[in-house]
PDB file of N, CA and C in Angstrom:
ATOM      1  N   UNK A   1       0.821  -1.192   0.000  1.00  0.00           N
ATOM      2  CA  UNK A   1       0.000   0.000   0.000  1.00  0.00           C
ATOM      3  C   UNK A   1       0.862   1.252   0.000  1.00  0.00           C
ATOM      4  N   UNK A   2       2.012   1.219   0.685  1.00  0.00           N
ATOM      5  CA  UNK A   2       2.907   2.364   0.737  1.00  0.00           C
ATOM      6  C   UNK A   2       3.418   2.760  -0.635  1.00  0.00           C
ATOM      7  N   UNK A   3       3.705   1.763  -1.482  1.00  0.00           N
ATOM      8  CA  UNK A   3       4.193   2.045  -2.823  1.00  0.00           C
ATOM      9  C   UNK A   3       3.122   2.717  -3.673  1.00  0.00           C
ATOM     10  N   UNK A   4       1.868   2.255  -3.560  1.00  0.00           N
ATOM     11  CA  UNK A   4       0.768   2.877  -4.305  1.00  0.00           C
ATOM     12  C   UNK A   4       0.578   4.321  -3.893  1.00  0.00           C
ATOM     13  N   UNK A   5       0.671   4.582  -2.593  1.00  0.00           N
ATOM     14  CA  UNK A   5       0.507   5.948  -2.090  1.00  0.00           C
ATOM     15  C   UNK A   5       1.614   6.840  -2.624  1.00  0.00           C
ATOM     16  N   UNK A   6       2.866   6.347  -2.585  1.00  0.00           N
ATOM     17  CA  UNK A   6       4.014   7.120  -3.066  1.00  0.00           C
ATOM     18  C   UNK A   6       3.906   7.354  -4.571  1.00  0.00           C
ATOM     19  N   UNK A   7       3.482   6.347  -5.309  1.00  0.00           N
ATOM     20  CA  UNK A   7       3.328   6.486  -6.759  1.00  0.00           C
ATOM     21  C   UNK A   7       2.228   7.502  -7.079  1.00  0.00           C
ATOM     22  N   UNK A   8       1.125   7.434  -6.338  1.00  0.00           N
ATOM     23  CA  UNK A   8       0.036   8.396  -6.537  1.00  0.00           C
ATOM     24  C   UNK A   8       0.470   9.811  -6.220  1.00  0.00           C
ATOM     25  N   UNK A   9       1.224   9.965  -5.159  1.00  0.00           N
ATOM     26  CA  UNK A   9       1.727  11.290  -4.760  1.00  0.00           C
ATOM     27  C   UNK A   9       2.675  11.843  -5.827  1.00  0.00           C
ATOM     28  N   UNK A  10       3.537  10.981  -6.369  1.00  0.00           N
ATOM     29  CA  UNK A  10       4.481  11.408  -7.414  1.00  0.00           C
ATOM     30  C   UNK A  10       3.722  11.819  -8.673  1.00  0.00           C
ATOM     31  N   UNK A  11       2.717  11.015  -9.068  1.00  0.00           N
ATOM     32  CA  UNK A  11       1.934  11.332 -10.249  1.00  0.00           C
ATOM     33  C   UNK A  11       1.208  12.665 -10.070  1.00  0.00           C
ATOM     34  N   UNK A  12       0.631  12.858  -8.894  1.00  0.00           N
ATOM     35  CA  UNK A  12      -0.090  14.090  -8.596  1.00  0.00           C
ATOM     36  C   UNK A  12       0.852  15.292  -8.675  1.00  0.00           C
ATOM     37  N   UNK A  13       2.052  15.125  -8.169  1.00  0.00           N
ATOM     38  CA  UNK A  13       3.056  16.178  -8.206  1.00  0.00           C
ATOM     39  C   UNK A  13       3.439  16.515  -9.641  1.00  0.00           C
ATOM     40  N   UNK A  14       3.611  15.492 -10.469  1.00  0.00           N
ATOM     41  CA  UNK A  14       3.960  15.711 -11.873  1.00  0.00           C
ATOM     42  C   UNK A  14       2.829  16.408 -12.619  1.00  0.00           C
ATOM     43  N   UNK A  15       1.606  15.983 -12.378  1.00  0.00           N
ATOM     44  CA  UNK A  15       0.448  16.604 -13.022  1.00  0.00           C
ATOM     45  C   UNK A  15       0.340  18.070 -12.587  1.00  0.00           C
ATOM     46  N   UNK A  16       0.540  18.322 -11.311  1.00  0.00           N
ATOM     47  CA  UNK A  16       0.476  19.692 -10.800  1.00  0.00           C
ATOM     48  C   UNK A  16       1.553  20.560 -11.445  1.00  0.00           C
ATOM     49  N   UNK A  17       2.764  20.024 -11.569  1.00  0.00           N
ATOM     50  CA  UNK A  17       3.857  20.775 -12.199  1.00  0.00           C
ATOM     51  C   UNK A  17       3.534  21.081 -13.656  1.00  0.00           C
ATOM     52  N   UNK A  18       3.010  20.092 -14.389  1.00  0.00           N
ATOM     53  CA  UNK A  18       2.663  20.296 -15.788  1.00  0.00           C
ATOM     54  C   UNK A  18       1.545  21.324 -15.929  1.00  0.00           C
ATOM     55  N   UNK A  19       0.548  21.234 -15.061  1.00  0.00           N
ATOM     56  CA  UNK A  19      -0.572  22.166 -15.100  1.00  0.00           C
ATOM     57  C   UNK A  19      -0.083  23.585 -14.838  1.00  0.00           C
ATOM     58  N   UNK A  20       0.777  23.727 -13.834  1.00  0.00           N
ATOM     59  CA  UNK A  20       1.316  25.037 -13.484  1.00  0.00           C
ATOM     60  C   UNK A  20       2.191  25.577 -14.621  1.00  0.00           C
ATOM     61  N   UNK A  21       2.978  24.711 -15.242  1.00  0.00           N
ATOM     62  CA  UNK A  21       3.833  25.128 -16.339  1.00  0.00           C
ATOM     63  C   UNK A  21       2.989  25.612 -17.522  1.00  0.00           C
ATOM     64  N   UNK A  22       1.919  24.888 -17.831  1.00  0.00           N
ATOM     65  CA  UNK A  22       1.028  25.327 -18.904  1.00  0.00           C
ATOM     66  C   UNK A  22       0.440  26.697 -18.584  1.00  0.00           C
ATOM     67  N   UNK A  23       0.034  26.895 -17.344  1.00  0.00           N
ATOM     68  CA  UNK A  23      -0.525  28.181 -16.944  1.00  0.00           C
ATOM     69  C   UNK A  23       0.493  29.307 -17.111  1.00  0.00           C
ATOM     70  N   UNK A  24       1.741  29.036 -16.763  1.00  0.00           N
ATOM     71  CA  UNK A  24       2.793  30.044 -16.920  1.00  0.00           C
ATOM     72  C   UNK A  24       3.042  30.354 -18.393  1.00  0.00           C
ATOM     73  N   UNK A  25       3.031  29.323 -19.246  1.00  0.00           N
ATOM     74  CA  UNK A  25       3.210  29.544 -20.681  1.00  0.00           C
ATOM     75  C   UNK A  25       2.043  30.339 -21.266  1.00  0.00           C
ATOM     76  N   UNK A  26       0.842  30.072 -20.783  1.00  0.00           N
ATOM     77  CA  UNK A  26      -0.330  30.831 -21.241  1.00  0.00           C
ATOM     78  C   UNK A  26      -0.179  32.293 -20.853  1.00  0.00           C
ATOM     79  N   UNK A  27       0.226  32.541 -19.617  1.00  0.00           N
ATOM     80  CA  UNK A  27       0.427  33.920 -19.158  1.00  0.00           C
ATOM     81  C   UNK A  27       1.472  34.623 -20.015  1.00  0.00           C
ATOM     82  N   UNK A  28       2.543  33.919 -20.342  1.00  0.00           N
ATOM     83  CA  UNK A  28       3.597  34.482 -21.179  1.00  0.00           C
ATOM     84  C   UNK A  28       3.076  34.801 -22.580  1.00  0.00           C
ATOM     85  N   UNK A  29       2.306  33.881 -23.147  1.00  0.00           N
ATOM     86  CA  UNK A  29       1.752  34.100 -24.489  1.00  0.00           C
ATOM     87  C   UNK A  29       0.813  35.304 -24.495  1.00  0.00           C
ATOM     88  N   UNK A  30       0.022  35.448 -23.455  1.00  0.00           N
ATOM     89  CA  UNK A  30      -0.894  36.592 -23.381  1.00  0.00           C
ATOM     90  C   UNK A  30      -0.102  37.883 -23.217  1.00  0.00           C
ATOM     91  N   UNK A  31       0.931  37.854 -22.397  1.00  0.00           N
ATOM     92  CA  UNK A  31       1.780  39.044 -22.237  1.00  0.00           C
ATOM     93  C   UNK A  31       2.415  39.450 -23.562  1.00  0.00           C
ATOM     94  N   UNK A  32       2.763  38.438 -24.378  1.00  0.00           N
ATOM     95  CA  UNK A  32       3.350  38.697 -25.696  1.00  0.00           C
ATOM     96  C   UNK A  32       2.283  38.991 -26.756  1.00  0.00           C
ATOM     97  N   UNK A  33       1.028  38.973 -26.345  1.00  0.00           N
ATOM     98  CA  UNK A  33      -0.125  39.175 -27.231  1.00  0.00           C
ATOM     99  C   UNK A  33      -0.177  38.129 -28.348  1.00  0.00           C
ATOM    100  N   UNK A  34       0.314  36.927 -28.042  1.00  0.00           N
ATOM    101  CA  UNK A  34       0.271  35.787 -28.962  1.00  0.00           C
ATOM    102  C   UNK A  34      -0.959  34.960 -28.581  1.00  0.00           C
ATOM    103  N   UNK A  35      -2.132  35.450 -29.000  1.00  0.00           N
ATOM    104  CA  UNK A  35      -3.391  34.857 -28.565  1.00  0.00           C
ATOM    105  C   UNK A  35      -3.631  33.480 -29.172  1.00  0.00           C
ATOM    106  N   UNK A  36      -3.092  33.226 -30.356  1.00  0.00           N
ATOM    107  CA  UNK A  36      -3.240  31.899 -30.962  1.00  0.00           C
ATOM    108  C   UNK A  36      -2.517  30.864 -30.111  1.00  0.00           C
ATOM    109  N   UNK A  37      -1.291  31.182 -29.708  1.00  0.00           N
ATOM    110  CA  UNK A  37      -0.531  30.267 -28.851  1.00  0.00           C
ATOM    111  C   UNK A  37      -1.219  30.092 -27.500  1.00  0.00           C
ATOM    112  N   UNK A  38      -1.720  31.193 -26.956  1.00  0.00           N
ATOM    113  CA  UNK A  38      -2.403  31.124 -25.659  1.00  0.00           C
ATOM    114  C   UNK A  38      -3.626  30.206 -25.741  1.00  0.00           C
ATOM    115  N   UNK A  39      -4.384  30.322 -26.837  1.00  0.00           N
ATOM    116  CA  UNK A  39      -5.581  29.485 -27.000  1.00  0.00           C
ATOM    117  C   UNK A  39      -5.203  28.009 -27.144  1.00  0.00           C
ATOM    118  N   UNK A  40      -4.128  27.730 -27.890  1.00  0.00           N
ATOM    119  CA  UNK A  40      -3.677  26.350 -28.067  1.00  0.00           C
ATOM    120  C   UNK A  40      -3.237  25.755 -26.733  1.00  0.00           C
ATOM    121  N   UNK A  41      -2.456  26.521 -25.979  1.00  0.00           N
ATOM    122  CA  UNK A  41      -2.005  26.056 -24.664  1.00  0.00           C
ATOM    123  C   UNK A  41      -3.186  25.876 -23.714  1.00  0.00           C
ATOM    124  N   UNK A  42      -4.158  26.776 -23.806  1.00  0.00           N
ATOM    125  CA  UNK A  42      -5.326  26.670 -22.926  1.00  0.00           C
ATOM    126  C   UNK A  42      -6.129  25.413 -23.230  1.00  0.00           C
ATOM    127  N   UNK A  43      -6.240  25.064 -24.515  1.00  0.00           N
ATOM    128  CA  UNK A  43      -6.937  23.819 -24.873  1.00  0.00           C
ATOM    129  C   UNK A  43      -6.210  22.616 -24.269  1.00  0.00           C
ATOM    130  N   UNK A  44      -4.880  22.636 -24.314  1.00  0.00           N
ATOM    131  CA  UNK A  44      -4.099  21.540 -23.723  1.00  0.00           C
ATOM    132  C   UNK A  44      -4.332  21.494 -22.215  1.00  0.00           C
ATOM    133  N   UNK A  45      -4.393  22.653 -21.595  1.00  0.00           N
ATOM    134  CA  UNK A  45      -4.623  22.694 -20.152  1.00  0.00           C
ATOM    135  C   UNK A  45      -6.034  22.216 -19.819  1.00  0.00           C
ATOM    136  N   UNK A  46      -7.015  22.575 -20.641  1.00  0.00           N
ATOM    137  CA  UNK A  46      -8.383  22.103 -20.424  1.00  0.00           C
ATOM    138  C   UNK A  46      -8.455  20.580 -20.539  1.00  0.00           C
ATOM    139  N   UNK A  47      -7.726  20.021 -21.518  1.00  0.00           N
ATOM    140  CA  UNK A  47      -7.674  18.560 -21.659  1.00  0.00           C
ATOM    141  C   UNK A  47      -7.077  17.934 -20.403  1.00  0.00           C
ATOM    142  N   UNK A  48      -6.026  18.555 -19.895  1.00  0.00           N
ATOM    143  CA  UNK A  48      -5.392  18.048 -18.681  1.00  0.00           C
ATOM    144  C   UNK A  48      -6.353  18.136 -17.500  1.00  0.00           C
ATOM    145  N   UNK A  49      -7.082  19.232 -17.406  1.00  0.00           N
ATOM    146  CA  UNK A  49      -8.046  19.401 -16.321  1.00  0.00           C
ATOM    147  C   UNK A  49      -9.147  18.347 -16.406  1.00  0.00           C
ATOM    148  N   UNK A  50      -9.594  18.049 -17.628  1.00  0.00           N
ATOM    149  CA  UNK A  50     -10.601  17.003 -17.815  1.00  0.00           C
ATOM    150  C   UNK A  50     -10.048  15.657 -17.352  1.00  0.00           C
ATOM    151  N   UNK A  51      -8.784  15.375 -17.701  1.00  0.00           N
ATOM    152  CA  UNK A  51      -8.155  14.126 -17.256  1.00  0.00           C
ATOM    153  C   UNK A  51      -8.049  14.079 -15.734  1.00  0.00           C
ATOM    154  N   UNK A  52      -7.735  15.215 -15.124  1.00  0.00           N
ATOM    155  CA  UNK A  52      -7.652  15.285 -13.662  1.00  0.00           C
ATOM    156  C   UNK A  52      -9.000  14.940 -13.043  1.00  0.00           C
ATOM    157  N   UNK A  53     -10.057  15.455 -13.638  1.00  0.00           N
ATOM    158  CA  UNK A  53     -11.401  15.199 -13.111  1.00  0.00           C
ATOM    159  C   UNK A  53     -11.787  13.726 -13.220  1.00  0.00           C
ATOM    160  N   UNK A  54     -11.167  13.007 -14.147  1.00  0.00           N
ATOM    161  CA  UNK A  54     -11.461  11.587 -14.319  1.00  0.00           C
ATOM    162  C   UNK A  54     -10.630  10.700 -13.395  1.00  0.00           C
ATOM    163  N   UNK A  55      -9.669  11.314 -12.697  1.00  0.00           N
ATOM    164  CA  UNK A  55      -8.828  10.548 -11.764  1.00  0.00           C
ATOM    165  C   UNK A  55      -9.662  10.128 -10.560  1.00  0.00           C
ATOM    166  N   UNK A  56      -9.118   9.218  -9.800  1.00  0.00           N
ATOM    167  CA  UNK A  56      -9.738   8.798  -8.546  1.00  0.00           C
ATOM    168  C   UNK A  56      -9.768  10.011  -7.618  1.00  0.00           C
ATOM    169  N   UNK A  57     -10.951  10.516  -7.347  1.00  0.00           N
ATOM    170  CA  UNK A  57     -11.094  11.746  -6.574  1.00  0.00           C
ATOM    171  C   UNK A  57     -10.529  11.619  -5.158  1.00  0.00           C
ATOM    172  N   UNK A  58     -10.456  10.419  -4.635  1.00  0.00           N
ATOM    173  CA  UNK A  58      -9.898  10.246  -3.291  1.00  0.00           C
ATOM    174  C   UNK A  58      -8.387  10.458  -3.278  1.00  0.00           C
ATOM    175  N   UNK A  59      -7.763  10.346  -4.445  1.00  0.00           N
ATOM    176  CA  UNK A  59      -6.314  10.542  -4.502  1.00  0.00           C
ATOM    177  C   UNK A  59      -5.950  12.023  -4.655  1.00  0.00           C
ATOM    178  N   UNK A  60      -6.956  12.870  -4.836  1.00  0.00           N
ATOM    179  CA  UNK A  60      -6.714  14.309  -5.001  1.00  0.00           C
ATOM    180  C   UNK A  60      -6.996  14.986  -3.666  1.00  0.00           C
ATOM    181  N   UNK A  61      -6.001  15.686  -3.159  1.00  0.00           N
ATOM    182  CA  UNK A  61      -6.154  16.323  -1.849  1.00  0.00           C
ATOM    183  C   UNK A  61      -6.428  17.824  -1.974  1.00  0.00           C
ATOM    184  N   UNK A  62      -6.629  18.452  -0.838  1.00  0.00           N
ATOM    185  CA  UNK A  62      -6.969  19.874  -0.796  1.00  0.00           C
ATOM    186  C   UNK A  62      -5.854  20.737  -1.374  1.00  0.00           C
ATOM    187  N   UNK A  63      -4.620  20.348  -1.156  1.00  0.00           N
ATOM    188  CA  UNK A  63      -3.474  21.120  -1.671  1.00  0.00           C
ATOM    189  C   UNK A  63      -3.494  21.150  -3.201  1.00  0.00           C
ATOM    190  N   UNK A  64      -3.828  20.003  -3.795  1.00  0.00           N
ATOM    191  CA  UNK A  64      -3.892  19.910  -5.249  1.00  0.00           C
ATOM    192  C   UNK A  64      -5.016  20.798  -5.789  1.00  0.00           C
ATOM    193  N   UNK A  65      -6.177  20.740  -5.143  1.00  0.00           N
ATOM    194  CA  UNK A  65      -7.291  21.596  -5.567  1.00  0.00           C
ATOM    195  C   UNK A  65      -6.963  23.071  -5.366  1.00  0.00           C
ATOM    196  N   UNK A  66      -6.202  23.397  -4.328  1.00  0.00           N
ATOM    197  CA  UNK A  66      -5.800  24.786  -4.093  1.00  0.00           C
ATOM    198  C   UNK A  66      -4.946  25.288  -5.253  1.00  0.00           C
ATOM    199  N   UNK A  67      -4.069  24.434  -5.760  1.00  0.00           N
ATOM    200  CA  UNK A  67      -3.246  24.799  -6.913  1.00  0.00           C
ATOM    201  C   UNK A  67      -4.123  25.069  -8.127  1.00  0.00           C
ATOM    202  N   UNK A  68      -5.086  24.191  -8.364  1.00  0.00           N
ATOM    203  CA  UNK A  68      -5.997  24.360  -9.499  1.00  0.00           C
ATOM    204  C   UNK A  68      -6.787  25.669  -9.346  1.00  0.00           C
ATOM    205  N   UNK A  69      -7.260  25.938  -8.134  1.00  0.00           N
ATOM    206  CA  UNK A  69      -8.011  27.176  -7.875  1.00  0.00           C
ATOM    207  C   UNK A  69      -7.143  28.411  -8.101  1.00  0.00           C
ATOM    208  N   UNK A  70      -5.892  28.341  -7.688  1.00  0.00           N
ATOM    209  CA  UNK A  70      -4.976  29.468  -7.879  1.00  0.00           C
ATOM    210  C   UNK A  70      -4.766  29.741  -9.362  1.00  0.00           C
ATOM    211  N   UNK A  71      -4.574  28.674 -10.125  1.00  0.00           N
ATOM    212  CA  UNK A  71      -4.418  28.822 -11.573  1.00  0.00           C
ATOM    213  C   UNK A  71      -5.695  29.400 -12.193  1.00  0.00           C
ATOM    214  N   UNK A  72      -6.842  28.948 -11.729  1.00  0.00           N
ATOM    215  CA  UNK A  72      -8.118  29.465 -12.246  1.00  0.00           C
ATOM    216  C   UNK A  72      -8.261  30.954 -11.948  1.00  0.00           C
ATOM    217  N   UNK A  73      -7.844  31.360 -10.765  1.00  0.00           N
ATOM    218  CA  UNK A  73      -7.900  32.771 -10.391  1.00  0.00           C
ATOM    219  C   UNK A  73      -6.968  33.595 -11.275  1.00  0.00           C
ATOM    220  N   UNK A  74      -5.765  33.084 -11.491  1.00  0.00           N
ATOM    221  CA  UNK A  74      -4.825  33.769 -12.376  1.00  0.00           C
ATOM    222  C   UNK A  74      -5.392  33.874 -13.781  1.00  0.00           C
ATOM    223  N   UNK A  75      -6.051  32.813 -14.232  1.00  0.00           N
ATOM    224  CA  UNK A  75      -6.640  32.812 -15.568  1.00  0.00           C
ATOM    225  C   UNK A  75      -7.725  33.865 -15.697  1.00  0.00           C
ATOM    226  N   UNK A  76      -8.524  34.024 -14.667  1.00  0.00           N
ATOM    227  CA  UNK A  76      -9.580  35.037 -14.704  1.00  0.00           C
ATOM    228  C   UNK A  76      -8.970  36.419 -14.913  1.00  0.00           C
ATOM    229  N   UNK A  77      -7.865  36.669 -14.249  1.00  0.00           N
ATOM    230  CA  UNK A  77      -7.168  37.940 -14.408  1.00  0.00           C
ATOM    231  C   UNK A  77      -6.623  38.085 -15.826  1.00  0.00           C
ATOM    232  N   UNK A  78      -6.066  37.004 -16.366  1.00  0.00           N
ATOM    233  CA  UNK A  78      -5.533  37.043 -17.729  1.00  0.00           C
ATOM    234  C   UNK A  78      -6.639  37.250 -18.753  1.00  0.00           C
ATOM    235  N   UNK A  79      -7.770  36.607 -18.525  1.00  0.00           N
ATOM    236  CA  UNK A  79      -8.908  36.776 -19.434  1.00  0.00           C
ATOM    237  C   UNK A  79      -9.360  38.232 -19.443  1.00  0.00           C
ATOM    238  N   UNK A  80      -9.377  38.857 -18.287  1.00  0.00           N
ATOM    239  CA  UNK A  80      -9.727  40.270 -18.196  1.00  0.00           C
ATOM    240  C   UNK A  80      -8.749  41.108 -19.028  1.00  0.00           C
ATOM    241  N   UNK A  81      -7.467  40.791 -18.942  1.00  0.00           N
ATOM    242  CA  UNK A  81      -6.452  41.506 -19.721  1.00  0.00           C
ATOM    243  C   UNK A  81      -6.707  41.349 -21.211  1.00  0.00           C
ATOM    244  N   UNK A  82      -6.991  40.126 -21.648  1.00  0.00           N
ATOM    245  CA  UNK A  82      -7.256  39.870 -23.066  1.00  0.00           C
ATOM    246  C   UNK A  82      -8.499  40.640 -23.513  1.00  0.00           C
ATOM    247  N   UNK A  83      -9.542  40.622 -22.707  1.00  0.00           N
ATOM    248  CA  UNK A  83     -10.761  41.339 -23.059  1.00  0.00           C
ATOM    249  C   UNK A  83     -10.499  42.842 -23.190  1.00  0.00           C
ATOM    250  N   UNK A  84      -9.702  43.381 -22.291  1.00  0.00           N
ATOM    251  CA  UNK A  84      -9.357  44.804 -22.372  1.00  0.00           C
ATOM    252  C   UNK A  84      -8.552  45.093 -23.634  1.00  0.00           C
ATOM    253  N   UNK A  85      -7.589  44.215 -23.954  1.00  0.00           N
ATOM    254  CA  UNK A  85      -6.798  44.384 -25.178  1.00  0.00           C
ATOM    255  C   UNK A  85      -7.695  44.330 -26.410  1.00  0.00           C
ATOM    256  N   UNK A  86      -8.592  43.361 -26.446  1.00  0.00           N
ATOM    257  CA  UNK A  86      -9.486  43.217 -27.600  1.00  0.00           C
ATOM    258  C   UNK A  86     -10.409  44.424 -27.729  1.00  0.00           C
ATOM    259  N   UNK A  87     -10.875  44.925 -26.624  1.00  0.00           N
ATOM    260  CA  UNK A  87     -11.731  46.110 -26.646  1.00  0.00           C
ATOM    261  C   UNK A  87     -10.961  47.305 -27.197  1.00  0.00           C
ATOM    262  N   UNK A  88      -9.722  47.458 -26.776  1.00  0.00           N
ATOM    263  CA  UNK A  88      -8.899  48.567 -27.261  1.00  0.00           C
ATOM    264  C   UNK A  88      -8.618  48.418 -28.756  1.00  0.00           C
ATOM    265  N   UNK A  89      -8.330  47.198 -29.200  1.00  0.00           N
ATOM    266  CA  UNK A  89      -8.085  46.953 -30.625  1.00  0.00           C
ATOM    267  C   UNK A  89      -9.340  47.268 -31.434  1.00  0.00           C
ATOM    268  N   UNK A  90     -10.496  46.857 -30.928  1.00  0.00           N
ATOM    269  CA  UNK A  90     -11.760  47.143 -31.610  1.00  0.00           C
ATOM    270  C   UNK A  90     -11.980  48.645 -31.712  1.00  0.00           C
ATOM    271  N   UNK A  91     -11.714  49.360 -30.639  1.00  0.00           N
ATOM    272  CA  UNK A  91     -11.869  50.819 -30.632  1.00  0.00           C
ATOM    273  C   UNK A  91     -10.924  51.460 -31.648  1.00  0.00           C
ATOM    274  N   UNK A  92      -9.657  51.017 -31.677  1.00  0.00           N
ATOM    275  CA  UNK A  92      -8.687  51.565 -32.617  1.00  0.00           C
ATOM    276  C   UNK A  92      -9.098  51.282 -34.058  1.00  0.00           C
ATOM    277  N   UNK A  93      -9.560  50.069 -34.316  1.00  0.00           N
ATOM    278  CA  UNK A  93      -9.976  49.700 -35.664  1.00  0.00           C
ATOM    279  C   UNK A  93     -11.165  50.549 -36.107  1.00  0.00           C
ATOM    280  N   UNK A  94     -12.133  50.709 -35.231  1.00  0.00           N
ATOM    281  CA  UNK A  94     -13.311  51.519 -35.542  1.00  0.00           C
ATOM    282  C   UNK A  94     -12.911  52.962 -35.839  1.00  0.00           C
ATOM    283  N   UNK A  95     -12.025  53.478 -35.034  1.00  0.00           N
ATOM    284  CA  UNK A  95     -11.558  54.861 -35.227  1.00  0.00           C
ATOM    285  C   UNK A  95     -10.828  55.002 -36.559  1.00  0.00           C
ATOM    286  N   UNK A  96      -9.995  54.021 -36.893  1.00  0.00           N
ATOM    287  CA  UNK A  96      -9.262  54.049 -38.169  1.00  0.00           C
ATOM    288  C   UNK A  96     -10.223  53.968 -39.355  1.00  0.00           C
ATOM    289  N   UNK A  97     -11.239  53.112 -39.230  1.00  0.00           N
ATOM    290  CA  UNK A  97     -12.219  52.989 -40.317  1.00  0.00           C
ATOM    291  C   UNK A  97     -12.989  54.290 -40.523  1.00  0.00           C
ATOM    292  N   UNK A  98     -13.377  54.920 -39.418  1.00  0.00           N
ATOM    293  CA  UNK A  98     -14.089  56.203 -39.532  1.00  0.00           C
ATOM    294  C   UNK A  98     -13.196  57.261 -40.181  1.00  0.00           C
ATOM    295  N   UNK A  99     -11.940  57.300 -39.798  1.00  0.00           N
ATOM    296  CA  UNK A  99     -11.006  58.273 -40.397  1.00  0.00           C
ATOM    297  C   UNK A  99     -10.811  57.980 -41.880  1.00  0.00           C
ATOM    298  N   UNK A 100     -10.726  56.702 -42.228  1.00  0.00           N
ATOM    299  CA  UNK A 100     -10.552  56.320 -43.635  1.00  0.00           C
ATOM    300  C   UNK A 100     -11.796  56.726 -44.446  1.00  0.00           C
ATOM    301  N   UNK A 101     -12.984  56.456 -43.884  1.00  0.00           N
ATOM    302  CA  UNK A 101     -14.219  56.834 -44.578  1.00  0.00           C
ATOM    303  C   UNK A 101     -14.303  58.351 -44.771  1.00  0.00           C
ATOM    304  N   UNK A 102     -13.929  59.085 -43.747  1.00  0.00           N
ATOM    305  CA  UNK A 102     -13.962  60.552 -43.840  1.00  0.00           C
ATOM    306  C   UNK A 102     -12.986  61.034 -44.890  1.00  0.00           C
ATOM    307  N   UNK A 103     -11.841  60.427 -44.972  1.00  0.00           N
ATOM    308  CA  UNK A 103     -10.826  60.806 -45.957  1.00  0.00           C
ATOM    309  C   UNK A 103     -11.308  60.505 -47.359  1.00  0.00           C
ATOM    310  N   UNK A 104     -12.011  59.380 -47.558  1.00  0.00           N
ATOM    311  CA  UNK A 104     -12.478  58.965 -48.881  1.00  0.00           C
ATOM    312  C   UNK A 104     -13.695  59.754 -49.324  1.00  0.00           C
ATOM    313  N   UNK A 105     -14.360  60.458 -48.423  1.00  0.00           N
ATOM    314  CA  UNK A 105     -15.585  61.209 -48.785  1.00  0.00           C
ATOM    315  C   UNK A 105     -15.286  62.508 -49.450  1.00  0.00           C
TER     316      UNK A 105
END
């Protein structure tokens, strides 16, 4: 039983590290405004999260869920940043189109 517990703990640690690493790469991609890369990494992280949910729930402890919650909180902040960037880009594009139309009139 001790070996199973140690193996489960090691697997959980590896999954947590991979999940955290993906979150850091997503944050980096968003900071670089590389939204395509961020979306691709986020899909990979969502797949990992789905796999985590399919694991034996008794093997997942509060510390592991705290890590997932922390990443989710960070993601909410990043999503807000992306939304603000997109809103600003939309505003700039609209302004440019209006200026172009005025120039062509």
